[in-house]
Amino acid sequence: MSASHSANSSGFPLDLTAEFSRFRNADPDRLHFAAHSHAYWPDVTRDAQLKVWDDAARLVDEKWSHVLGEVWPAVANGLAHHLRLPDPSTLVPAPNTHEFVNRLLSALPFDRRPVIVTTDGEFHSFKRQTERLAEDKLIDLVVVPTEPFATLPARLIEMVRAKSPDMVFVSQVFFNSGYALPDLDTLVDAVAAPGRLVVIDGYHAFLARPVDLSRIADRAFYLAGGYKYAMAGEGACFMHCPPGFAPRPRNTGWYASFATLTGPQDRVRYSTDGQRFMGSTFDPSGLYRMRAMLQWFAAHDLDAAKIHAHVIALQDMFLADLIKAPFGLFDTASLVVPANEVSRGNFLTFDHPDAAQWQARLKRSNIVVDVRDTRLRVGFGLYHNADDVTRLLRRLRSI
């Protein structure tokens, strides 16, 4: 283990399992190690879900003024705090990140074929959409291999300089490996340019690893959401929008100028802050849950650094057992991101030709992990403690 990781493995200062009682007690035998896919929600989010209904009954027509005037600003302030953003007004909500992808794409020039530089490790919400557009030659898509990881930033920068793209899109933590880009500031410094949309997919980084956008907030978009490590469930995504970039996306909803709806409608108006990327009517329950989760974080003095330290301690405990006695695909030699790599997210990825069969076997034993092609992912979160890892190892070895 690396020194930075082993320092966390001496103890587990966090044991918040009691705060997840409803999810944990729904199936006490279930060992859910897919926090990278769909994390358990803390109990406070259930109260938030009920409050959505109660507020709708109480406010009726005034509901949206409350959602956008009180609920969302509270969420935006919390997000800005955890992302070290200087101005919460640069943030905008959406039910999913695919909405953001389409609005960003709609802001590209259409008097010629726009060029996009990306990697082969991007999630489907971006990968599928851009590959489909490239099929019809509506965009030029340039894909940089993520591996070998050590040279990825340099190769990405070299490709951007060679292609002069209209958009650069890259994950901070790659969903199919867990590798984390080590230095966002340096990367953005190298690829940013006037008018160029630099987009960081932070879904596997937000509240999994410390994120500081303070130096790049004026040049890079950043998108993420609550489905995974933020533990707020679906429908609670957000994007940071640097001022001045893409002021009038063609894919636009009527909330993109919510403040001017009662005034003259002589032209298509846009907000000048992050709201310019808004869509239309949505289910606000995700924002209520996100607000409750952020308030819960504040009450427990939690941040991404503490969460990541807790997860790394759990991972190290798991890996230490495998180093002593590997079996099947659970062998540190099968790790896509090595055990001693500091730049990794909050899940471990094992590459093995029988990954799908292993995932099915584990599912029959009520162990929840997931698989992407030949890669099996094991994710750890705040709702786990050391006893959970011990139970996991014991059950794995009994299969």
Foldseek 3Di string as FASTA:
>chain_A
DAPVLVVLQPFFPAAPLVQLCVVCVVDVLFQEQALVFFNGAGPLLVVLLVVLVVLCVVQVVCSVCCLVVPLVVLLLVLLCVQQVAPDSLLKDWWQDCLLVLQLVVLLFDQVDAFEEEEEPQDDCSNVVVVVVCVVVPSHHYHYHYCPPVVCVLVVSLVVCVVPVGQEYEYEQAGSQAQFGDDDPLVSCVRRFDVQRAYEYEDALPALFARHYCHNPLQTYKYKYACRHFLNLRGRGIMMRHHFPHSQARPQAAPQQPVVCPVDDPPDDDGDRHNSVSDHYDDSSSSSSSSSSSSVVCVVVVDHSHSWNSSLSNLVVVLLVVCPVPNDDQRHQVQWSQHNNDPRGTQKTKGFDQCQVVVQVVVVVSSYDWDDDRRITIGGDGSSDDNVSSVVVVVVVVVD
